[in-house]
Amino acid sequence: MATHNQVRLIGYLTKKPIVLNENKPGEEKILMNIKTARREADGYRGEYYCDVIVYYSGDELMPKLKTYDQFDIVDIKGVFMVLPTMRKSICPACGAINYKENAVSTFVYPQSVTRLGSYTEFYDNKLETPDSLLMKNYQENSNQCLIIGTVITDPQYIAGDVDLCRYGLGVDRKYYVKEQAEQHSDYPWVYSYGEQAEWDAKYLRKKSVILMDGFIHNEWYKADKVCKACNHKYIVDEVGTQFTPYSIEYLSGYMTDETLQKEAELAKLAAMADK
């Protein structure tokens, strides 16, 4: 599979970082929720602000990250990672805990972090909100993912109020988290919209290689559940992470208008032969 995985985030911490296993050398981990702003993306009508989870377990950046606080504005360069996780829901009928199979969580693992300042330091008069500050000053670079990946599922075009095309990517890792040394690839989902969705559905196939310049964001949806203890059906709110392109370049293994025309002609001949 192809390899390129680069993420740039400029945003503010929505709350103080969470430190796990604090003061245990070699075991400390930190979680930060960073609010970012996206640029315009063809056909996408979702929120302009995107919360992104940042996770770090190394030693080099840990002392710096532990000093950060709510509303600090940070510039992060790193990679995204998709890891298996346990997601549970509670049956409203019997109270049993049910776990979702094949659940994953997506986060950004920083390689460098720079504190740019704090909303509270520079905007104490509150004439500007943290969100408006983010949009006005950092929108262009606030949430950008550059990925070279291989399409691993057949693109699925879904027509509706907002037309979209979704497909999975395979991206080899070139950077490893120590507790995930056994994992060598990540498998994010791409959701394209508008004209880009039409192109992706038409020209991409399994094993196509693409370069995507896009952004990372979460989408909430309703999921149907069946309790394994009592078979009661219920609905829960779940969140999934998507990568949506600002632009895509097709690198290899994609269809062309010429190849599509030849396929159509062959299909027509085959249909005539079957009559």
Protein backbone atom coordinates (compact mmCIF):
# COMPACT_ATOMS: atom_id res chain seq x y z
CA MET A 1 0.00 0.00 0.00
CA ALA A 2 0.98 3.61 -0.46
CA THR A 3 2.54 5.66 2.32
CA HIS A 4 2.07 9.29 3.21
CA ASN A 5 0.36 10.47 6.36
CA GLN A 6 0.77 14.07 7.44
CA VAL A 7 -1.59 16.09 9.64
CA ARG A 8 -1.49 19.77 10.54
CA LEU A 9 -3.78 21.13 13.25
CA ILE A 10 -4.02 24.69 14.56
CA GLY A 11 -6.69 25.03 17.20
CA TYR A 12 -7.45 25.59 20.84
CA LEU A 13 -7.85 23.15 23.72
CA THR A 14 -11.50 22.89 24.71
CA LYS A 15 -10.49 21.69 28.18
CA LYS A 16 -7.38 20.91 30.20
CA PRO A 17 -5.42 17.88 28.91
CA ILE A 18 -6.13 14.52 30.56
CA VAL A 19 -2.99 12.80 31.85
CA LEU A 20 -3.15 9.04 32.41
CA ASN A 21 -0.68 7.16 34.63
CA GLU A 22 0.73 10.50 35.82
CA ASN A 23 4.14 10.39 37.49
CA LYS A 24 4.77 6.83 36.31
CA PRO A 25 7.90 7.09 34.14
CA GLY A 26 7.49 5.45 30.76
CA GLU A 27 3.74 4.89 31.28
CA GLU A 28 2.33 8.41 31.04
CA LYS A 29 -0.20 9.16 28.30
CA ILE A 30 -2.02 12.36 27.47
CA LEU A 31 -5.29 13.14 25.70
CA MET A 32 -6.23 16.58 24.34
CA ASN A 33 -9.38 17.74 22.56
CA ILE A 34 -8.44 20.36 19.95
CA LYS A 35 -11.07 22.48 18.24
CA THR A 36 -10.17 23.28 14.65
CA ALA A 37 -11.77 25.08 11.70
CA ARG A 38 -12.04 23.70 8.17
CA ARG A 39 -11.87 25.37 4.78
CA GLU A 40 -14.59 25.18 2.15
CA ALA A 41 -15.03 21.65 0.75
CA ASP A 42 -17.07 20.98 -2.40
CA GLY A 43 -20.56 19.75 -1.53
CA TYR A 44 -19.97 19.30 2.21
CA ARG A 45 -22.54 21.12 4.36
CA GLY A 46 -21.38 20.10 7.83
CA GLU A 47 -20.00 22.21 10.65
CA TYR A 48 -17.04 24.50 10.04
CA TYR A 49 -15.59 23.58 13.43
CA CYS A 50 -14.15 20.11 14.02
CA ASP A 51 -13.05 18.62 17.35
CA VAL A 52 -10.00 16.36 16.98
CA ILE A 53 -8.58 14.03 19.63
CA VAL A 54 -4.80 14.25 20.08
CA TYR A 55 -3.07 11.37 21.86
CA TYR A 56 0.57 11.12 22.94
CA SER A 57 2.51 8.50 24.90
CA GLY A 58 6.14 9.39 24.24
CA ASP A 59 8.69 11.07 26.50
CA GLU A 60 10.02 13.97 24.40
CA LEU A 61 6.86 16.13 24.25
CA MET A 62 5.23 15.02 27.51
CA PRO A 63 6.67 17.73 29.84
CA LYS A 64 5.52 20.47 27.45
CA LEU A 65 2.05 19.01 26.87
CA LYS A 66 1.41 18.68 30.61
CA THR A 67 1.77 22.46 31.02
CA TYR A 68 -1.01 23.25 28.53
CA ASP A 69 -4.40 24.48 29.67
CA GLN A 70 -7.89 25.16 28.38
CA PHE A 71 -8.02 27.75 25.57
CA ASP A 72 -4.31 27.40 24.74
CA ILE A 73 -3.82 27.76 20.98
CA VAL A 74 -1.46 25.11 19.59
CA ASP A 75 0.12 24.25 16.25
CA ILE A 76 0.49 20.47 15.88
CA LYS A 77 2.23 18.47 13.19
CA GLY A 78 1.80 14.72 13.32
CA VAL A 79 0.11 11.66 11.86
CA PHE A 80 -3.35 10.14 12.18
CA MET A 81 -3.84 6.65 13.58
CA VAL A 82 -6.86 4.34 13.55
CA LEU A 83 -6.91 1.88 16.45
CA PRO A 84 -9.32 -0.83 17.66
CA THR A 85 -11.35 0.21 20.67
CA MET A 86 -14.10 -1.03 22.98
CA ARG A 87 -17.40 0.84 22.70
CA LYS A 88 -20.16 -0.11 25.08
CA SER A 89 -23.85 0.67 25.36
CA ILE A 90 -26.36 -0.18 28.08
CA CYS A 91 -29.60 -1.94 27.22
CA PRO A 92 -32.51 0.22 28.47
CA ALA A 93 -34.64 -2.90 29.03
CA CYS A 94 -32.40 -5.10 31.17
CA GLY A 95 -29.35 -2.95 31.95
CA ALA A 96 -26.89 -5.35 30.31
CA ILE A 97 -23.69 -3.90 28.84
CA ASN A 98 -23.21 -4.60 25.14
CA TYR A 99 -19.96 -4.06 23.26
CA LYS A 100 -19.67 -3.03 19.63
CA GLU A 101 -17.60 -5.39 17.50
CA ASN A 102 -14.90 -4.01 15.18
CA ALA A 103 -15.11 -0.53 16.69
CA VAL A 104 -12.22 1.87 16.05
CA SER A 105 -11.06 5.26 17.28
CA THR A 106 -9.12 7.79 15.21
CA PHE A 107 -6.73 10.29 16.74
CA VAL A 108 -3.75 12.46 15.84
CA TYR A 109 -0.34 11.55 17.26
CA PRO A 110 1.89 14.67 17.44
CA GLN A 111 5.49 14.77 16.28
CA SER A 112 5.89 18.46 17.11
CA VAL A 113 3.77 20.93 19.05
CA THR A 114 4.10 24.72 19.38
CA ARG A 115 2.03 26.82 21.75
CA LEU A 116 0.98 29.99 19.90
CA GLY A 117 -0.64 31.67 22.89
CA SER A 118 -3.95 31.59 24.68
CA TYR A 119 -7.35 33.06 23.97
CA THR A 120 -7.53 34.26 27.57
CA GLU A 121 -4.18 36.06 27.30
CA PHE A 122 -4.93 38.09 24.20
CA TYR A 123 -8.70 38.46 24.21
CA ASP A 124 -9.59 39.18 27.84
CA ASN A 125 -12.07 41.82 26.73
CA LYS A 126 -14.15 38.98 25.23
CA LEU A 127 -14.94 41.03 22.15
CA GLU A 128 -14.08 37.92 20.12
CA THR A 129 -14.99 34.32 20.85
CA PRO A 130 -12.42 31.49 20.62
CA ASP A 131 -14.27 30.13 17.57
CA SER A 132 -14.28 33.44 15.69
CA LEU A 133 -10.61 33.93 16.54
CA LEU A 134 -9.86 30.49 15.10
CA MET A 135 -11.83 31.10 11.92
CA LYS A 136 -10.41 34.56 11.27
CA ASN A 137 -6.74 33.78 11.85
CA TYR A 138 -6.14 30.07 11.25
CA GLN A 139 -8.86 28.65 8.98
CA GLU A 140 -6.51 28.02 6.04
CA ASN A 141 -4.18 25.70 7.99
CA SER A 142 -6.31 24.75 10.98
CA ASN A 143 -7.23 21.24 9.82
CA GLN A 144 -5.28 19.69 6.96
CA CYS A 145 -4.47 16.06 6.22
CA LEU A 146 -2.21 15.04 3.34
CA ILE A 147 -2.60 11.34 2.63
CA ILE A 148 -1.38 8.98 -0.08
CA GLY A 149 -3.39 5.79 0.21
CA THR A 150 -4.69 2.79 -1.69
CA VAL A 151 -8.43 2.33 -2.15
CA ILE A 152 -9.37 -0.93 -0.42
CA THR A 153 -13.16 -1.01 -0.93
CA ASP A 154 -15.35 -0.43 -3.95
CA PRO A 155 -16.45 3.23 -3.86
CA GLN A 156 -20.10 3.52 -2.86
CA TYR A 157 -22.08 6.41 -4.30
CA ILE A 158 -25.07 7.48 -2.20
CA ALA A 159 -27.56 9.94 -3.70
CA GLY A 160 -29.68 12.04 -1.37
CA ASP A 161 -30.13 15.58 -0.11
CA VAL A 162 -26.33 15.63 -0.14
CA ASP A 163 -24.71 13.27 -2.64
CA LEU A 164 -21.63 11.50 -1.32
CA CYS A 165 -19.15 8.77 -2.15
CA ARG A 166 -17.43 6.70 0.54
CA TYR A 167 -14.56 4.23 0.42
CA GLY A 168 -11.82 2.86 2.63
CA LEU A 169 -8.14 3.70 2.25
CA GLY A 170 -5.12 1.68 3.26
CA VAL A 171 -2.15 3.74 4.43
CA ASP A 172 1.13 2.15 5.52
CA ARG A 173 2.63 3.58 8.68
CA LYS A 174 6.00 5.29 8.64
CA TYR A 175 5.76 6.33 12.31
CA TYR A 176 5.05 4.01 15.20
CA VAL A 177 3.49 4.44 18.62
CA LYS A 178 5.44 2.29 21.08
CA GLU A 179 2.41 0.39 22.36
CA GLN A 180 1.22 -0.19 18.77
CA ALA A 181 4.49 -1.43 17.25
CA GLU A 182 2.71 -4.48 15.82
CA GLN A 183 0.35 -2.35 13.73
CA HIS A 184 1.79 -1.38 10.36
CA SER A 185 -1.16 0.21 8.53
CA ASP A 186 -4.18 2.43 9.12
CA TYR A 187 -7.54 2.21 7.39
CA PRO A 188 -9.45 5.51 7.39
CA TRP A 189 -12.74 6.15 5.61
CA VAL A 190 -12.97 8.86 2.97
CA TYR A 191 -16.28 10.66 2.38
CA SER A 192 -16.31 12.93 -0.66
CA TYR A 193 -19.20 15.17 -1.64
CA GLY A 194 -20.61 17.05 -4.61
CA GLU A 195 -18.74 16.88 -7.91
CA GLN A 196 -15.78 15.16 -6.24
CA ALA A 197 -18.10 12.34 -5.15
CA GLU A 198 -19.26 11.86 -8.75
CA TRP A 199 -15.67 11.66 -9.99
CA ASP A 200 -14.62 9.23 -7.24
CA ALA A 201 -17.54 6.90 -7.94
CA LYS A 202 -16.81 6.98 -11.67
CA TYR A 203 -13.02 6.68 -11.78
CA LEU A 204 -11.85 4.95 -8.59
CA ARG A 205 -11.67 1.21 -8.06
CA LYS A 206 -10.04 -1.12 -5.55
CA LYS A 207 -6.24 -0.70 -5.71
CA SER A 208 -6.47 2.86 -7.06
CA VAL A 209 -3.84 5.10 -5.43
CA ILE A 210 -4.79 8.67 -4.55
CA LEU A 211 -3.27 11.77 -2.98
CA MET A 212 -5.85 13.50 -0.80
CA ASP A 213 -5.64 16.99 0.66
CA GLY A 214 -8.49 17.06 3.15
CA PHE A 215 -9.63 17.43 6.74
CA ILE A 216 -10.52 15.14 9.64
CA HIS A 217 -13.89 15.41 11.36
CA ASN A 218 -16.47 13.43 13.34
CA GLU A 219 -20.06 12.74 12.37
CA TRP A 220 -22.79 11.62 14.78
CA TYR A 221 -25.40 9.07 13.71
CA LYS A 222 -28.07 6.73 15.11
CA ALA A 223 -27.13 3.05 15.37
CA ASP A 224 -29.47 0.10 15.86
CA LYS A 225 -28.52 -2.30 18.65
CA VAL A 226 -29.80 -5.70 19.77
CA CYS A 227 -29.10 -6.68 23.37
CA LYS A 228 -27.22 -9.96 23.57
CA ALA A 229 -28.77 -10.67 26.96
CA CYS A 230 -32.48 -10.08 26.29
CA ASN A 231 -32.73 -9.45 22.50
CA HIS A 232 -34.26 -6.01 23.09
CA LYS A 233 -33.79 -3.62 20.16
CA TYR A 234 -32.69 -0.09 20.95
CA ILE A 235 -30.96 2.90 19.35
CA VAL A 236 -27.80 4.66 20.50
CA ASP A 237 -25.89 7.75 19.36
CA GLU A 238 -22.51 6.88 17.90
CA VAL A 239 -19.72 8.87 16.32
CA GLY A 240 -17.53 8.00 13.35
CA THR A 241 -14.41 9.74 12.07
CA GLN A 242 -14.24 10.70 8.40
CA PHE A 243 -11.66 12.23 6.10
CA THR A 244 -13.20 14.60 3.56
CA PRO A 245 -11.17 15.99 0.65
CA TYR A 246 -10.54 19.56 -0.28
CA SER A 247 -9.04 18.02 -3.42
CA ILE A 248 -7.92 14.60 -4.70
CA GLU A 249 -5.30 13.66 -7.27
CA TYR A 250 -5.57 10.22 -8.88
CA LEU A 251 -2.09 8.70 -9.02
CA SER A 252 -2.46 5.16 -10.39
CA GLY A 253 -4.87 2.28 -10.92
CA TYR A 254 -7.82 4.53 -11.73
CA MET A 255 -10.25 4.36 -14.63
CA THR A 256 -10.18 6.77 -17.58
CA ASP A 257 -12.95 7.82 -19.95
CA GLU A 258 -11.33 5.61 -22.60
CA THR A 259 -11.27 2.51 -20.39
CA LEU A 260 -14.83 3.16 -19.26
CA GLN A 261 -15.96 3.39 -22.89
CA LYS A 262 -14.24 0.11 -23.71
CA GLU A 263 -15.88 -1.58 -20.73
CA ALA A 264 -19.29 -0.34 -21.87
CA GLU A 265 -18.69 -1.64 -25.42
CA LEU A 266 -17.59 -5.04 -24.12
CA ALA A 267 -20.62 -5.25 -21.86
CA LYS A 268 -22.86 -4.40 -24.81
CA LEU A 269 -21.26 -7.12 -26.96
CA ALA A 270 -21.60 -9.65 -24.15
CA ALA A 271 -25.28 -8.80 -23.75
CA MET A 272 -25.86 -9.26 -27.48
CA ALA A 273 -24.08 -12.63 -27.43
CA ASP A 274 -26.32 -13.86 -24.63
CA LYS A 275 -29.48 -13.20 -26.63
